[in-house]
C-alpha atoms as a PDB file:
ATOM      1  CA  MET A   1      60.011  74.158  -3.682  1.00  0.00           C
ATOM      2  CA  LYS A   2      57.473  73.322  -0.941  1.00  0.00           C
ATOM      3  CA  ASP A   3      54.864  70.588  -0.321  1.00  0.00           C
ATOM      4  CA  GLN A   4      57.350  67.690  -0.242  1.00  0.00           C
ATOM      5  CA  ALA A   5      56.658  64.005   0.299  1.00  0.00           C
ATOM      6  CA  LEU A   6      59.340  61.617   0.741  1.00  0.00           C
ATOM      7  CA  LEU A   7      59.632  57.274   1.271  1.00  0.00           C
ATOM      8  CA  TRP A   8      62.529  55.239   1.599  1.00  0.00           C
ATOM      9  CA  THR A   9      62.524  52.487  -0.966  1.00  0.00           C
ATOM     10  CA  ASP A  10      64.971  49.661  -2.901  1.00  0.00           C
ATOM     11  CA  GLY A  11      67.662  51.894  -0.747  1.00  0.00           C
ATOM     12  CA  ARG A  12      67.255  55.448  -1.614  1.00  0.00           C
ATOM     13  CA  TRP A  13      65.128  58.295  -0.672  1.00  0.00           C
ATOM     14  CA  HIS A  14      62.387  59.842  -2.543  1.00  0.00           C
ATOM     15  CA  MET A  15      61.328  62.911  -2.904  1.00  0.00           C
ATOM     16  CA  LEU A  16      58.258  64.365  -4.524  1.00  0.00           C
ATOM     17  CA  PHE A  17      57.539  68.591  -4.369  1.00  0.00           C
ATOM     18  CA  SER A  18      55.612  71.232  -6.207  1.00  0.00           C
ATOM     19  CA  GLU A  19      58.655  73.555  -7.679  1.00  0.00           C
ATOM     20  CA  VAL A  20      58.536  77.060  -9.425  1.00  0.00           C
ATOM     21  CA  THR A  21      59.210  76.200 -13.321  1.00  0.00           C
ATOM     22  CA  ASP A  22      58.146  79.390 -14.337  1.00  0.00           C
ATOM     23  CA  ASP A  23      57.937  82.463 -12.481  1.00  0.00           C
ATOM     24  CA  ALA A  24      56.102  84.828 -14.643  1.00  0.00           C
ATOM     25  CA  ALA A  25      54.300  82.369 -16.476  1.00  0.00           C
ATOM     26  CA  LEU A  26      50.940  83.914 -15.232  1.00  0.00           C
ATOM     27  CA  PRO A  27      49.349  87.308 -14.716  1.00  0.00           C
ATOM     28  CA  GLY A  28      50.147  88.084 -11.268  1.00  0.00           C
ATOM     29  CA  GLY A  29      51.059  84.480 -10.832  1.00  0.00           C
ATOM     30  CA  VAL A  30      53.162  81.680 -10.872  1.00  0.00           C
ATOM     31  CA  ARG A  31      53.742  77.996 -12.391  1.00  0.00           C
ATOM     32  CA  TRP A  32      53.901  75.319 -10.190  1.00  0.00           C
ATOM     33  CA  ASP A  33      54.852  71.490 -11.392  1.00  0.00           C
ATOM     34  CA  VAL A  34      55.459  68.473  -9.478  1.00  0.00           C
ATOM     35  CA  GLY A  35      59.135  67.357  -9.344  1.00  0.00           C
ATOM     36  CA  THR A  36      61.012  64.354  -8.969  1.00  0.00           C
ATOM     37  CA  ALA A  37      64.843  64.111  -6.693  1.00  0.00           C
ATOM     38  CA  THR A  38      66.510  60.869  -5.100  1.00  0.00           C
ATOM     39  CA  SER A  39      69.490  60.144  -2.386  1.00  0.00           C
ATOM     40  CA  ALA A  40      70.866  58.007  -0.565  1.00  0.00           C
ATOM     41  CA  ASP A  41      71.517  59.917   2.360  1.00  0.00           C
ATOM     42  CA  LEU A  42      69.136  62.628   3.055  1.00  0.00           C
ATOM     43  CA  VAL A  43      72.331  65.190   2.135  1.00  0.00           C
ATOM     44  CA  HIS A  44      73.384  64.709  -1.462  1.00  0.00           C
ATOM     45  CA  TRP A  45      70.344  64.797  -3.603  1.00  0.00           C
ATOM     46  CA  SER A  46      70.003  64.482  -7.799  1.00  0.00           C
ATOM     47  CA  SER A  47      68.975  67.511  -9.660  1.00  0.00           C
ATOM     48  CA  PRO A  48      65.018  68.334  -9.381  1.00  0.00           C
ATOM     49  CA  ALA A  49      63.721  66.431 -12.321  1.00  0.00           C
ATOM     50  CA  PRO A  50      60.041  68.027 -13.649  1.00  0.00           C
ATOM     51  CA  TRP A  51      57.454  65.849 -14.195  1.00  0.00           C
ATOM     52  CA  PRO A  52      56.032  66.240 -18.165  1.00  0.00           C
ATOM     53  CA  ALA A  53      52.954  69.062 -18.409  1.00  0.00           C
ATOM     54  CA  GLN A  54      49.921  67.860 -18.631  1.00  0.00           C
ATOM     55  CA  ARG A  55      46.781  68.807 -20.744  1.00  0.00           C
ATOM     56  CA  GLY A  56      43.917  70.491 -19.651  1.00  0.00           C
ATOM     57  CA  VAL A  57      45.608  72.503 -16.161  1.00  0.00           C
ATOM     58  CA  ILE A  58      47.999  75.456 -15.488  1.00  0.00           C
ATOM     59  CA  GLY A  59      50.588  73.416 -13.574  1.00  0.00           C
ATOM     60  CA  VAL A  60      50.107  70.854 -10.474  1.00  0.00           C
ATOM     61  CA  ALA A  61      51.200  71.550  -7.104  1.00  0.00           C
ATOM     62  CA  SER A  62      51.038  69.176  -3.506  1.00  0.00           C
ATOM     63  CA  PRO A  63      51.608  65.714  -4.121  1.00  0.00           C
ATOM     64  CA  ASP A  64      51.381  63.534  -1.333  1.00  0.00           C
ATOM     65  CA  VAL A  65      52.526  59.960  -2.274  1.00  0.00           C
ATOM     66  CA  VAL A  66      51.538  56.792  -0.747  1.00  0.00           C
ATOM     67  CA  ARG A  67      52.068  52.647  -1.711  1.00  0.00           C
ATOM     68  CA  SER A  68      48.513  50.511  -2.521  1.00  0.00           C
ATOM     69  CA  PRO A  69      47.660  47.134  -1.517  1.00  0.00           C
ATOM     70  CA  THR A  70      48.945  45.667  -4.256  1.00  0.00           C
ATOM     71  CA  GLY A  71      52.268  47.324  -3.938  1.00  0.00           C
ATOM     72  CA  THR A  72      52.036  49.974  -6.798  1.00  0.00           C
ATOM     73  CA  PHE A  73      52.894  53.722  -5.845  1.00  0.00           C
ATOM     74  CA  VAL A  74      50.169  56.275  -6.212  1.00  0.00           C
ATOM     75  CA  VAL A  75      50.995  59.676  -6.457  1.00  0.00           C
ATOM     76  CA  THR A  76      48.108  62.618  -5.855  1.00  0.00           C
ATOM     77  CA  TYR A  77      47.960  66.321  -6.028  1.00  0.00           C
ATOM     78  CA  ASP A  78      46.069  68.804  -7.451  1.00  0.00           C
ATOM     79  CA  SER A  79      45.890  71.359 -10.596  1.00  0.00           C
ATOM     80  CA  GLY A  80      47.702  74.202  -9.217  1.00  0.00           C
ATOM     81  CA  PRO A  81      46.276  77.583 -10.450  1.00  0.00           C
ATOM     82  CA  GLY A  82      43.111  75.385 -11.954  1.00  0.00           C
ATOM     83  CA  GLN A  83      42.031  74.061 -15.112  1.00  0.00           C
ATOM     84  CA  VAL A  84      43.177  75.665 -18.792  1.00  0.00           C
ATOM     85  CA  GLY A  85      39.874  77.553 -20.299  1.00  0.00           C
ATOM     86  CA  GLY A  86      38.439  78.485 -16.750  1.00  0.00           C
ATOM     87  CA  GLY A  87      38.255  76.927 -13.531  1.00  0.00           C
ATOM     88  CA  GLN A  88      39.252  75.932  -9.758  1.00  0.00           C
ATOM     89  CA  PRO A  89      41.907  73.550  -9.246  1.00  0.00           C
ATOM     90  CA  LYS A  90      40.776  69.914  -9.480  1.00  0.00           C
ATOM     91  CA  LEU A  91      42.475  66.357  -7.907  1.00  0.00           C
ATOM     92  CA  TYR A  92      44.352  63.994  -9.955  1.00  0.00           C
ATOM     93  CA  TYR A  93      46.756  60.615  -9.393  1.00  0.00           C
ATOM     94  CA  ARG A  94      49.601  58.891 -10.619  1.00  0.00           C
ATOM     95  CA  THR A  95      50.525  55.559 -10.429  1.00  0.00           C
ATOM     96  CA  SER A  96      54.061  53.947 -10.968  1.00  0.00           C
ATOM     97  CA  LYS A  97      56.064  50.728 -10.032  1.00  0.00           C
ATOM     98  CA  ASP A  98      59.733  52.223  -9.542  1.00  0.00           C
ATOM     99  CA  LEU A  99      58.626  55.969  -8.685  1.00  0.00           C
ATOM    100  CA  VAL A 100      60.050  56.915 -12.069  1.00  0.00           C
ATOM    101  CA  THR A 101      58.161  55.904 -14.916  1.00  0.00           C
ATOM    102  CA  TRP A 102      54.784  57.284 -14.483  1.00  0.00           C
ATOM    103  CA  SER A 103      51.113  56.593 -15.660  1.00  0.00           C
ATOM    104  CA  ALA A 104      48.863  58.922 -17.141  1.00  0.00           C
ATOM    105  CA  ALA A 105      47.558  61.700 -15.155  1.00  0.00           C
ATOM    106  CA  GLN A 106      43.739  60.438 -13.966  1.00  0.00           C
ATOM    107  CA  PRO A 107      40.737  62.483 -11.914  1.00  0.00           C
ATOM    108  CA  LEU A 108      40.530  61.982  -8.812  1.00  0.00           C
ATOM    109  CA  GLY A 109      37.364  62.330  -6.851  1.00  0.00           C
ATOM    110  CA  LEU A 110      36.212  64.734  -9.664  1.00  0.00           C
ATOM    111  CA  SER A 111      31.618  64.092  -9.123  1.00  0.00           C
ATOM    112  CA  LEU A 112      32.454  65.018  -5.875  1.00  0.00           C
ATOM    113  CA  ALA A 113      32.213  68.988  -6.491  1.00  0.00           C
ATOM    114  CA  ASP A 114      32.311  68.597 -10.102  1.00  0.00           C
ATOM    115  CA  GLY A 115      31.414  72.242 -10.545  1.00  0.00           C
ATOM    116  CA  ALA A 116      34.164  74.604 -12.802  1.00  0.00           C
ATOM    117  CA  GLY A 117      34.108  76.815  -9.279  1.00  0.00           C
ATOM    118  CA  ASP A 118      34.740  74.373  -6.937  1.00  0.00           C
ATOM    119  CA  ARG A 119      38.207  74.032  -5.465  1.00  0.00           C
ATOM    120  CA  MET A 120      39.937  70.799  -4.519  1.00  0.00           C
ATOM    121  CA  ILE A 121      43.228  70.648  -3.798  1.00  0.00           C
ATOM    122  CA  ASP A 122      45.681  69.187  -1.069  1.00  0.00           C
ATOM    123  CA  PRO A 123      44.600  65.429  -1.714  1.00  0.00           C
ATOM    124  CA  ALA A 124      45.915  62.399   0.912  1.00  0.00           C
ATOM    125  CA  LEU A 125      44.639  58.450   0.519  1.00  0.00           C
ATOM    126  CA  ALA A 126      44.393  56.243   3.146  1.00  0.00           C
ATOM    127  CA  TRP A 127      43.763  51.718   2.335  1.00  0.00           C
ATOM    128  CA  THR A 128      41.997  50.856   5.572  1.00  0.00           C
ATOM    129  CA  GLY A 129      41.307  47.438   4.674  1.00  0.00           C
ATOM    130  CA  HIS A 130      37.462  48.613   4.303  1.00  0.00           C
ATOM    131  CA  GLY A 131      37.229  50.929   1.336  1.00  0.00           C
ATOM    132  CA  LEU A 132      39.793  53.943   0.600  1.00  0.00           C
ATOM    133  CA  ILE A 133      39.525  57.340   2.092  1.00  0.00           C
ATOM    134  CA  LEU A 134      40.350  60.459   0.218  1.00  0.00           C
ATOM    135  CA  GLY A 135      41.155  63.573   2.483  1.00  0.00           C
ATOM    136  CA  TYR A 136      40.823  67.355   0.356  1.00  0.00           C
ATOM    137  CA  LYS A 137      40.337  71.070   1.052  1.00  0.00           C
ATOM    138  CA  GLU A 138      37.499  72.482  -0.815  1.00  0.00           C
ATOM    139  CA  GLY A 139      36.625  75.634  -1.028  1.00  0.00           C
ATOM    140  CA  THR A 140      37.662  79.307  -2.039  1.00  0.00           C
ATOM    141  CA  ASP A 141      37.004  82.155   0.691  1.00  0.00           C
ATOM    142  CA  SER A 142      35.173  79.430   3.086  1.00  0.00           C
ATOM    143  CA  GLN A 143      37.799  76.321   3.091  1.00  0.00           C
ATOM    144  CA  HIS A 144      36.826  72.714   4.576  1.00  0.00           C
ATOM    145  CA  PHE A 145      38.845  69.740   5.302  1.00  0.00           C
ATOM    146  CA  GLU A 146      36.679  66.851   3.607  1.00  0.00           C
ATOM    147  CA  ILE A 147      36.974  63.534   3.833  1.00  0.00           C
ATOM    148  CA  ALA A 148      34.979  60.726   1.192  1.00  0.00           C
ATOM    149  CA  TRP A 149      35.083  56.991   0.508  1.00  0.00           C
ATOM    150  CA  SER A 150      35.433  54.469  -1.942  1.00  0.00           C
ATOM    151  CA  ARG A 151      33.797  51.858  -0.665  1.00  0.00           C
ATOM    152  CA  SER A 152      35.504  49.078  -3.523  1.00  0.00           C
ATOM    153  CA  GLY A 153      38.993  50.760  -2.858  1.00  0.00           C
ATOM    154  CA  SER A 154      39.581  51.844  -6.344  1.00  0.00           C
ATOM    155  CA  LEU A 155      40.712  55.498  -7.014  1.00  0.00           C
ATOM    156  CA  ALA A 156      38.099  55.479 -10.033  1.00  0.00           C
ATOM    157  CA  GLY A 157      35.555  54.856  -6.929  1.00  0.00           C
ATOM    158  CA  PRO A 158      32.397  55.534  -6.491  1.00  0.00           C
ATOM    159  CA  TRP A 159      33.156  58.469  -3.972  1.00  0.00           C
ATOM    160  CA  VAL A 160      30.834  59.061  -1.637  1.00  0.00           C
ATOM    161  CA  ALA A 161      30.837  62.349   1.137  1.00  0.00           C
ATOM    162  CA  VAL A 162      31.829  61.540   4.582  1.00  0.00           C
ATOM    163  CA  GLY A 163      31.434  64.539   5.776  1.00  0.00           C
ATOM    164  CA  ARG A 164      34.191  67.450   7.551  1.00  0.00           C
ATOM    165  CA  PRO A 165      36.726  66.326   9.958  1.00  0.00           C
ATOM    166  CA  ASP A 166      36.114  67.935  13.772  1.00  0.00           C
ATOM    167  CA  ILE A 167      39.308  69.633  13.619  1.00  0.00           C
ATOM    168  CA  SER A 168      40.046  73.252  14.356  1.00  0.00           C
ATOM    169  CA  VAL A 169      43.056  74.953  14.885  1.00  0.00           C
ATOM    170  CA  PHE A 170      43.350  78.367  16.029  1.00  0.00           C
ATOM    171  CA  GLY A 171      39.564  78.343  14.871  1.00  0.00           C
ATOM    172  CA  ASP A 172      40.067  77.406  11.214  1.00  0.00           C
ATOM    173  CA  THR A 173      40.589  74.310   9.071  1.00  0.00           C
ATOM    174  CA  VAL A 174      43.852  72.278   8.284  1.00  0.00           C
ATOM    175  CA  GLU A 175      45.556  71.643   5.403  1.00  0.00           C
ATOM    176  CA  ASN A 176      48.241  69.881   3.043  1.00  0.00           C
ATOM    177  CA  TYR A 177      46.890  66.496   4.469  1.00  0.00           C
ATOM    178  CA  GLU A 178      48.875  63.043   5.210  1.00  0.00           C
ATOM    179  CA  PHE A 179      47.512  59.669   6.790  1.00  0.00           C
ATOM    180  CA  LEU A 180      50.038  57.344   8.355  1.00  0.00           C
ATOM    181  CA  THR A 181      50.024  54.860  10.218  1.00  0.00           C
ATOM    182  CA  VAL A 182      52.230  54.692  13.831  1.00  0.00           C
ATOM    183  CA  ASP A 183      52.279  51.965  16.626  1.00  0.00           C
ATOM    184  CA  GLY A 184      49.298  49.699  14.233  1.00  0.00           C
ATOM    185  CA  HIS A 185      46.995  53.200  14.683  1.00  0.00           C
ATOM    186  CA  TRP A 186      46.050  56.138  12.038  1.00  0.00           C
ATOM    187  CA  ASP A 187      47.328  59.438  12.286  1.00  0.00           C
ATOM    188  CA  LEU A 188      46.853  62.915  10.403  1.00  0.00           C
ATOM    189  CA  VAL A 189      49.813  65.207   9.845  1.00  0.00           C
ATOM    190  CA  ALA A 190      48.218  68.325   8.580  1.00  0.00           C
ATOM    191  CA  THR A 191      49.221  72.087   8.778  1.00  0.00           C
ATOM    192  CA  SER A 192      47.154  74.900  10.295  1.00  0.00           C
ATOM    193  CA  ASN A 193      45.502  76.850   7.824  1.00  0.00           C
ATOM    194  CA  THR A 194      46.219  79.936  10.106  1.00  0.00           C
ATOM    195  CA  LEU A 195      49.622  81.060  10.702  1.00  0.00           C
ATOM    196  CA  ASP A 196      50.611  77.871   8.759  1.00  0.00           C
ATOM    197  CA  GLN A 197      52.448  75.733  11.456  1.00  0.00           C
ATOM    198  CA  PRO A 198      52.756  71.925  11.729  1.00  0.00           C
ATOM    199  CA  TRP A 199      49.898  69.596  13.396  1.00  0.00           C
ATOM    200  CA  MET A 200      49.427  65.942  13.854  1.00  0.00           C
ATOM    201  CA  PHE A 201      46.093  64.098  15.074  1.00  0.00           C
ATOM    202  CA  SER A 202      45.460  60.457  16.058  1.00  0.00           C
ATOM    203  CA  LEU A 203      41.780  58.626  15.008  1.00  0.00           C
ATOM    204  CA  VAL A 204      39.287  58.488  17.637  1.00  0.00           C
ATOM    205  CA  GLY A 205      37.009  55.480  16.604  1.00  0.00           C
ATOM    206  CA  ASP A 206      37.535  52.512  14.110  1.00  0.00           C
ATOM    207  CA  PRO A 207      39.346  53.339  10.795  1.00  0.00           C
ATOM    208  CA  LEU A 208      37.051  50.663   9.147  1.00  0.00           C
ATOM    209  CA  VAL A 209      34.008  52.913   9.485  1.00  0.00           C
ATOM    210  CA  PRO A 210      34.068  55.807   6.993  1.00  0.00           C
ATOM    211  CA  ALA A 211      32.172  58.396   9.614  1.00  0.00           C
ATOM    212  CA  SER A 212      35.226  57.768  12.328  1.00  0.00           C
ATOM    213  CA  TRP A 213      37.118  59.289   9.731  1.00  0.00           C
ATOM    214  CA  LEU A 214      35.888  62.873  11.173  1.00  0.00           C
ATOM    215  CA  ARG A 215      36.716  62.125  14.743  1.00  0.00           C
ATOM    216  CA  TRP A 216      40.112  62.961  15.821  1.00  0.00           C
ATOM    217  CA  THR A 217      42.030  63.948  18.908  1.00  0.00           C
ATOM    218  CA  LYS A 218      42.860  67.319  19.909  1.00  0.00           C
ATOM    219  CA  GLY A 219      46.076  67.425  18.220  1.00  0.00           C
ATOM    220  CA  THR A 220      49.822  68.580  18.267  1.00  0.00           C
ATOM    221  CA  ALA A 221      51.769  71.340  17.846  1.00  0.00           C
ATOM    222  CA  LEU A 222      55.026  69.922  15.634  1.00  0.00           C
ATOM    223  CA  GLN A 223      58.011  71.881  17.652  1.00  0.00           C
ATOM    224  CA  ILE A 224      60.404  72.096  14.871  1.00  0.00           C
ATOM    225  CA  PRO A 225      63.566  74.361  15.643  1.00  0.00           C
ATOM    226  CA  ALA A 226      63.694  76.997  14.073  1.00  0.00           C
ATOM    227  CA  GLN A 227      66.951  78.235  11.397  1.00  0.00           C
ATOM    228  CA  THR A 228      68.099  82.008   9.770  1.00  0.00           C
ATOM    229  CA  TRP A 229      66.678  80.017   6.907  1.00  0.00           C
ATOM    230  CA  ASP A 230      63.100  79.846   7.891  1.00  0.00           C
ATOM    231  CA  THR A 231      62.852  82.748  10.349  1.00  0.00           C
ATOM    232  CA  GLY A 232      61.877  86.167   9.747  1.00  0.00           C
ATOM    233  CA  THR A 233      60.545  89.398  10.515  1.00  0.00           C
ATOM    234  CA  GLY A 234      56.737  90.308  11.725  1.00  0.00           C
ATOM    235  CA  VAL A 235      54.457  86.448  11.656  1.00  0.00           C
ATOM    236  CA  SER A 236      54.663  82.950  10.211  1.00  0.00           C
ATOM    237  CA  SER A 237      52.880  82.695   6.932  1.00  0.00           C
ATOM    238  CA  VAL A 238      52.274  86.419   6.379  1.00  0.00           C
ATOM    239  CA  GLY A 239      56.204  87.638   6.681  1.00  0.00           C
ATOM    240  CA  TYR A 240      58.361  83.978   6.554  1.00  0.00           C
ATOM    241  CA  GLU A 241      57.506  80.550   6.638  1.00  0.00           C
ATOM    242  CA  HIS A 242      58.489  79.035   9.366  1.00  0.00           C
ATOM    243  CA  ALA A 243      57.784  74.663   8.946  1.00  0.00           C
ATOM    244  CA  ASN A 244      54.961  74.705   6.194  1.00  0.00           C
ATOM    245  CA  SER A 245      53.268  71.622   4.386  1.00  0.00           C
ATOM    246  CA  VAL A 246      55.038  68.912   6.655  1.00  0.00           C
ATOM    247  CA  PHE A 247      55.268  65.403   5.999  1.00  0.00           C
ATOM    248  CA  VAL A 248      56.423  62.626   8.488  1.00  0.00           C
ATOM    249  CA  CYS A 249      58.445  59.253   7.372  1.00  0.00           C
ATOM    250  CA  ASN A 250      58.014  56.898   9.374  1.00  0.00           C
ATOM    251  CA  ALA A 251      61.329  54.930   9.539  1.00  0.00           C
ATOM    252  CA  HIS A 252      60.996  54.116  13.457  1.00  0.00           C
ATOM    253  CA  ALA A 253      60.875  50.509  12.895  1.00  0.00           C
ATOM    254  CA  THR A 254      64.046  50.457  10.685  1.00  0.00           C
ATOM    255  CA  ASP A 255      66.351  53.142  12.239  1.00  0.00           C
ATOM    256  CA  GLY A 256      64.411  54.380  15.286  1.00  0.00           C
ATOM    257  CA  TYR A 257      63.834  57.925  13.434  1.00  0.00           C
ATOM    258  CA  TYR A 258      60.308  60.034  12.026  1.00  0.00           C
ATOM    259  CA  TYR A 259      62.306  62.184   9.076  1.00  0.00           C
ATOM    260  CA  ALA A 260      59.659  65.381   9.093  1.00  0.00           C
ATOM    261  CA  THR A 261      60.476  67.263   5.867  1.00  0.00           C
ATOM    262  CA  TYR A 262      59.250  71.043   5.621  1.00  0.00           C
ATOM    263  CA  ALA A 263      59.343  74.459   3.864  1.00  0.00           C
ATOM    264  CA  GLY A 264      60.644  77.591   4.497  1.00  0.00           C
ATOM    265  CA  SER A 265      61.344  81.094   3.724  1.00  0.00           C
ATOM    266  CA  ASP A 266      62.511  83.789   5.018  1.00  0.00           C
ATOM    267  CA  GLU A 267      60.351  86.239   3.209  1.00  0.00           C
ATOM    268  CA  LEU A 268      57.277  86.128   1.305  1.00  0.00           C
ATOM    269  CA  THR A 269      58.070  87.917  -1.503  1.00  0.00           C
ATOM    270  CA  SER A 270      59.667  86.602  -4.246  1.00  0.00           C
ATOM    271  CA  PHE A 271      58.265  83.611  -6.091  1.00  0.00           C
ATOM    272  CA  GLY A 272      54.077  85.749  -6.418  1.00  0.00           C
ATOM    273  CA  GLY A 273      54.575  86.195  -2.812  1.00  0.00           C
ATOM    274  CA  TRP A 274      55.060  82.265  -1.698  1.00  0.00           C
ATOM    275  CA  GLY A 275      58.679  83.469  -1.080  1.00  0.00           C
ATOM    276  CA  HIS A 276      62.047  81.451  -2.268  1.00  0.00           C
ATOM    277  CA  ALA A 277      60.992  78.370  -0.516  1.00  0.00           C
ATOM    278  CA  LYS A 278      63.508  75.777   0.533  1.00  0.00           C
ATOM    279  CA  ILE A 279      63.063  72.486   2.183  1.00  0.00           C
ATOM    280  CA  GLY A 280      64.045  71.528   5.494  1.00  0.00           C
ATOM    281  CA  ILE A 281      64.379  68.006   7.169  1.00  0.00           C
ATOM    282  CA  ALA A 282      64.133  67.014  11.124  1.00  0.00           C
ATOM    283  CA  ARG A 283      64.233  63.830  12.980  1.00  0.00           C
ATOM    284  CA  SER A 284      62.684  62.712  16.003  1.00  0.00           C
ATOM    285  CA  THR A 285      62.348  59.491  18.334  1.00  0.00           C
ATOM    286  CA  ASP A 286      59.115  59.729  20.036  1.00  0.00           C
ATOM    287  CA  LEU A 287      57.337  62.573  17.548  1.00  0.00           C
ATOM    288  CA  VAL A 288      57.762  64.964  20.657  1.00  0.00           C
ATOM    289  CA  HIS A 289      61.591  66.737  20.396  1.00  0.00           C
ATOM    290  CA  TRP A 290      62.450  67.695  17.001  1.00  0.00           C
ATOM    291  CA  GLN A 291      66.205  67.542  15.594  1.00  0.00           C
ATOM    292  CA  VAL A 292      67.661  69.229  12.612  1.00  0.00           C
ATOM    293  CA  PRO A 293      70.997  69.348  11.308  1.00  0.00           C
ATOM    294  CA  GLY A 294      73.460  71.309  12.915  1.00  0.00           C
END
């Protein structure tokens, strides 16, 4: 399990995540699906419930969840390894009123990169009060963080490409995006494409101006304490995963904490080379000092 997203609503924690449901489904690969689970205390969880299979794709992965201005929950994700019949992954979304019953899958931003060889993954949304911002990762050998804008605020678009944000970590791009507000300003939580480390950036300009979403602060690494299950030999992202695909839930106004969920593994050989990933949680009062359960 990895690529988790977490939120609190109606007295329960709700988590969505990528999970391997068949580790021999594809030649040399695995099948990913999106699963869900709930908890009252972040300790005891319901059994993972995978989404029904989606027509036309080979698995789905990398969910991100936000609430629209109308109160509807929107989960964005990509089509895992790709499309049935060939082609690179594309973006999709589903909506829900209760995080239990979901709409049919709908394509997201397909006009931005509609070629069969155009790869789009890791979508994230931000309603700004002046349309809708979409962040996603594009490319295969050369990969880039891209921003697009829907002036209407509709998930159906029309979408306009804005450009590539001025973010570089270890001389490379970032992935696994999440937009969130902290103390009234927009922030980005992302994972470095090199070494898979968690980072946080703040928007520099006016969020109502689409071009502002290309300008971010230098960024700060999130110092998540290491544990035995997310530490191994060698280098993180090569021999093991320490704190990959971090997602921050802002509950500071409720109980004084920010909660970060993340994926880790002490090896990267099983499950098609992804490792037997598990989901961990840390919390912080200031987004600087993080604690993990004792």
